């Protein structure tokens, strides 16, 4: 575990995905909607970016990377 974890910003999609996997290890990604995902990201303890900067493209990228990451495990 990182002693001094870095804050999360929207452009750090892979790091966001890792934090989401840790926070929601058993989630069925087929049931996750964009608005729900947005809420989860901004509620991550290390999230430090402006919530209003989120857009569908960023959230879809996070969801795509999340699928890829859990499929690779």
N, C-alpha and C. Protein backbone atom coordinates (compact mmCIF):
# COMPACT_ATOMS: atom_id res chain seq x y z
N UNK A 1 0.85 -1.19 0.00
CA UNK A 1 0.00 0.00 0.00
C UNK A 1 0.89 1.24 0.00
N UNK A 2 0.56 2.18 -0.84
CA UNK A 2 1.33 3.41 -0.95
C UNK A 2 1.11 4.26 0.30
N UNK A 3 2.19 4.67 0.93
CA UNK A 3 2.10 5.46 2.17
C UNK A 3 1.51 6.84 1.89
N UNK A 4 1.90 7.44 0.78
CA UNK A 4 1.42 8.77 0.42
C UNK A 4 0.83 8.72 -1.00
N UNK A 5 -0.39 8.15 -1.13
CA UNK A 5 -0.95 7.97 -2.47
C UNK A 5 -1.21 9.31 -3.17
N UNK A 6 -1.01 9.28 -4.47
CA UNK A 6 -1.23 10.48 -5.28
C UNK A 6 -2.73 10.72 -5.47
N UNK A 7 -3.12 11.97 -5.57
CA UNK A 7 -4.53 12.27 -5.85
C UNK A 7 -4.90 11.79 -7.26
N UNK A 8 -6.17 11.53 -7.44
CA UNK A 8 -6.68 11.06 -8.73
C UNK A 8 -7.33 12.19 -9.50
N UNK A 9 -7.01 12.26 -10.77
CA UNK A 9 -7.61 13.24 -11.68
C UNK A 9 -8.21 12.50 -12.86
N UNK A 10 -9.15 13.12 -13.55
CA UNK A 10 -9.87 12.47 -14.64
C UNK A 10 -8.95 11.83 -15.67
N UNK A 11 -7.82 12.48 -15.99
CA UNK A 11 -6.96 11.93 -17.05
C UNK A 11 -6.23 10.66 -16.61
N UNK A 12 -6.22 10.37 -15.34
CA UNK A 12 -5.55 9.16 -14.81
C UNK A 12 -6.54 7.99 -14.79
N UNK A 13 -7.07 7.65 -15.95
CA UNK A 13 -8.14 6.65 -16.00
C UNK A 13 -7.72 5.30 -15.45
N UNK A 14 -6.49 4.86 -15.76
CA UNK A 14 -6.06 3.55 -15.27
C UNK A 14 -5.97 3.54 -13.75
N UNK A 15 -5.44 4.59 -13.16
CA UNK A 15 -5.34 4.67 -11.70
C UNK A 15 -6.73 4.72 -11.07
N UNK A 16 -7.65 5.41 -11.73
CA UNK A 16 -9.04 5.43 -11.25
C UNK A 16 -9.61 4.02 -11.28
N UNK A 17 -9.36 3.29 -12.37
CA UNK A 17 -9.86 1.92 -12.48
C UNK A 17 -9.31 1.06 -11.34
N UNK A 18 -8.04 1.17 -11.06
CA UNK A 18 -7.46 0.38 -9.97
C UNK A 18 -8.12 0.71 -8.63
N UNK A 19 -8.38 1.98 -8.41
CA UNK A 19 -9.06 2.39 -7.17
C UNK A 19 -10.49 1.86 -7.12
N UNK A 20 -11.18 1.86 -8.26
CA UNK A 20 -12.55 1.34 -8.32
C UNK A 20 -12.57 -0.17 -8.08
N UNK A 21 -11.60 -0.88 -8.64
CA UNK A 21 -11.52 -2.33 -8.43
C UNK A 21 -11.32 -2.63 -6.94
N UNK A 22 -10.49 -1.84 -6.30
CA UNK A 22 -10.26 -2.01 -4.86
C UNK A 22 -11.53 -1.71 -4.07
N UNK A 23 -12.23 -0.66 -4.45
CA UNK A 23 -13.44 -0.21 -3.74
C UNK A 23 -14.64 -1.13 -4.02
N UNK A 24 -14.75 -1.62 -5.25
CA UNK A 24 -15.91 -2.42 -5.68
C UNK A 24 -15.43 -3.71 -6.34
N UNK A 25 -14.83 -4.63 -5.58
CA UNK A 25 -14.19 -5.81 -6.17
C UNK A 25 -15.15 -6.80 -6.83
N UNK A 26 -16.38 -6.85 -6.41
CA UNK A 26 -17.30 -7.88 -6.89
C UNK A 26 -18.44 -7.32 -7.73
N UNK A 27 -18.26 -6.12 -8.27
CA UNK A 27 -19.34 -5.48 -9.01
C UNK A 27 -19.54 -6.13 -10.38
N UNK A 28 -20.78 -6.23 -10.82
CA UNK A 28 -21.11 -6.70 -12.17
C UNK A 28 -21.09 -5.48 -13.08
N UNK A 29 -20.06 -5.36 -13.89
CA UNK A 29 -19.89 -4.16 -14.72
C UNK A 29 -21.01 -3.98 -15.74
N UNK A 30 -21.69 -5.05 -16.09
CA UNK A 30 -22.82 -4.94 -17.02
C UNK A 30 -23.98 -4.17 -16.40
N UNK A 31 -23.97 -4.02 -15.09
CA UNK A 31 -25.05 -3.33 -14.39
C UNK A 31 -24.70 -1.88 -14.02
N UNK A 32 -23.50 -1.43 -14.40
CA UNK A 32 -23.04 -0.10 -14.01
C UNK A 32 -23.40 0.91 -15.10
N UNK A 33 -24.13 1.94 -14.70
CA UNK A 33 -24.47 3.02 -15.62
C UNK A 33 -23.48 4.17 -15.51
N UNK A 34 -23.53 5.04 -16.50
CA UNK A 34 -22.60 6.17 -16.55
C UNK A 34 -22.74 7.09 -15.33
N UNK A 35 -23.98 7.40 -14.95
CA UNK A 35 -24.17 8.29 -13.80
C UNK A 35 -23.70 7.63 -12.51
N UNK A 36 -23.96 6.33 -12.39
CA UNK A 36 -23.50 5.61 -11.20
C UNK A 36 -21.97 5.61 -11.15
N UNK A 37 -21.35 5.33 -12.30
CA UNK A 37 -19.89 5.34 -12.37
C UNK A 37 -19.33 6.70 -11.99
N UNK A 38 -19.94 7.75 -12.51
CA UNK A 38 -19.51 9.11 -12.18
C UNK A 38 -19.54 9.34 -10.67
N UNK A 39 -20.62 8.93 -10.03
CA UNK A 39 -20.73 9.08 -8.58
C UNK A 39 -19.68 8.30 -7.83
N UNK A 40 -19.39 7.10 -8.30
CA UNK A 40 -18.36 6.28 -7.64
C UNK A 40 -16.99 6.93 -7.77
N UNK A 41 -16.68 7.43 -8.96
CA UNK A 41 -15.36 8.04 -9.17
C UNK A 41 -15.18 9.25 -8.26
N UNK A 42 -16.16 10.15 -8.26
CA UNK A 42 -15.99 11.37 -7.47
C UNK A 42 -16.03 11.10 -5.96
N UNK A 43 -16.55 9.93 -5.57
CA UNK A 43 -16.56 9.60 -4.14
C UNK A 43 -15.30 8.83 -3.70
N UNK A 44 -14.41 8.51 -4.64
CA UNK A 44 -13.17 7.84 -4.25
C UNK A 44 -12.38 8.75 -3.31
N UNK A 45 -11.82 8.20 -2.25
CA UNK A 45 -11.11 9.03 -1.27
C UNK A 45 -9.99 9.88 -1.86
N UNK A 46 -9.32 9.39 -2.89
CA UNK A 46 -8.19 10.13 -3.46
C UNK A 46 -8.59 11.02 -4.63
N UNK A 47 -9.86 11.02 -5.01
CA UNK A 47 -10.27 11.82 -6.15
C UNK A 47 -10.17 13.30 -5.82
N UNK A 48 -9.44 14.05 -6.65
CA UNK A 48 -9.15 15.45 -6.34
C UNK A 48 -9.50 16.41 -7.48
N UNK A 49 -10.10 15.91 -8.54
CA UNK A 49 -10.38 16.75 -9.70
C UNK A 49 -11.76 17.39 -9.57
N UNK A 50 -12.08 18.23 -10.51
CA UNK A 50 -13.37 18.92 -10.54
C UNK A 50 -14.43 17.96 -11.10
N UNK A 51 -15.44 17.60 -10.31
CA UNK A 51 -16.46 16.67 -10.80
C UNK A 51 -17.13 17.12 -12.10
N UNK A 52 -17.29 18.41 -12.28
CA UNK A 52 -17.98 18.93 -13.47
C UNK A 52 -17.20 18.69 -14.76
N UNK A 53 -15.92 18.32 -14.66
CA UNK A 53 -15.12 18.08 -15.85
C UNK A 53 -15.41 16.72 -16.49
N UNK A 54 -16.16 15.89 -15.81
CA UNK A 54 -16.48 14.57 -16.35
C UNK A 54 -17.36 14.72 -17.58
N UNK A 55 -17.12 13.84 -18.54
CA UNK A 55 -18.01 13.76 -19.70
C UNK A 55 -18.17 12.30 -20.07
N UNK A 56 -19.07 12.03 -20.98
CA UNK A 56 -19.36 10.64 -21.32
C UNK A 56 -18.14 9.92 -21.88
N UNK A 57 -17.32 10.61 -22.65
CA UNK A 57 -16.13 9.97 -23.23
C UNK A 57 -15.16 9.51 -22.14
N UNK A 58 -14.92 10.35 -21.14
CA UNK A 58 -14.03 9.97 -20.04
C UNK A 58 -14.60 8.79 -19.28
N UNK A 59 -15.88 8.85 -18.98
CA UNK A 59 -16.51 7.79 -18.20
C UNK A 59 -16.54 6.48 -18.98
N UNK A 60 -16.78 6.54 -20.28
CA UNK A 60 -16.76 5.32 -21.10
C UNK A 60 -15.35 4.74 -21.16
N UNK A 61 -14.34 5.59 -21.21
CA UNK A 61 -12.96 5.12 -21.20
C UNK A 61 -12.64 4.41 -19.88
N UNK A 62 -13.10 4.97 -18.77
CA UNK A 62 -12.89 4.32 -17.47
C UNK A 62 -13.58 2.97 -17.45
N UNK A 63 -14.80 2.92 -17.91
CA UNK A 63 -15.56 1.67 -17.93
C UNK A 63 -14.88 0.64 -18.83
N UNK A 64 -14.40 1.06 -20.00
CA UNK A 64 -13.72 0.16 -20.92
C UNK A 64 -12.45 -0.40 -20.27
N UNK A 65 -11.66 0.47 -19.65
CA UNK A 65 -10.43 0.01 -18.99
C UNK A 65 -10.75 -0.92 -17.82
N UNK A 66 -11.83 -0.65 -17.12
CA UNK A 66 -12.24 -1.50 -16.00
C UNK A 66 -12.56 -2.91 -16.52
N UNK A 67 -13.34 -2.98 -17.61
CA UNK A 67 -13.64 -4.28 -18.22
C UNK A 67 -12.35 -5.01 -18.59
N UNK A 68 -11.45 -4.31 -19.24
CA UNK A 68 -10.19 -4.92 -19.68
C UNK A 68 -9.38 -5.42 -18.49
N UNK A 69 -9.32 -4.62 -17.44
CA UNK A 69 -8.52 -4.99 -16.27
C UNK A 69 -9.08 -6.22 -15.58
N UNK A 70 -10.38 -6.27 -15.35
CA UNK A 70 -10.94 -7.43 -14.67
C UNK A 70 -10.95 -8.66 -15.56
N UNK A 71 -11.01 -8.48 -16.86
CA UNK A 71 -10.95 -9.61 -17.79
C UNK A 71 -9.57 -10.23 -17.83
N UNK A 72 -8.55 -9.43 -17.58
CA UNK A 72 -7.16 -9.89 -17.63
C UNK A 72 -6.76 -10.63 -16.34
N UNK A 73 -7.58 -10.52 -15.32
CA UNK A 73 -7.22 -11.14 -14.02
C UNK A 73 -7.65 -12.59 -13.95
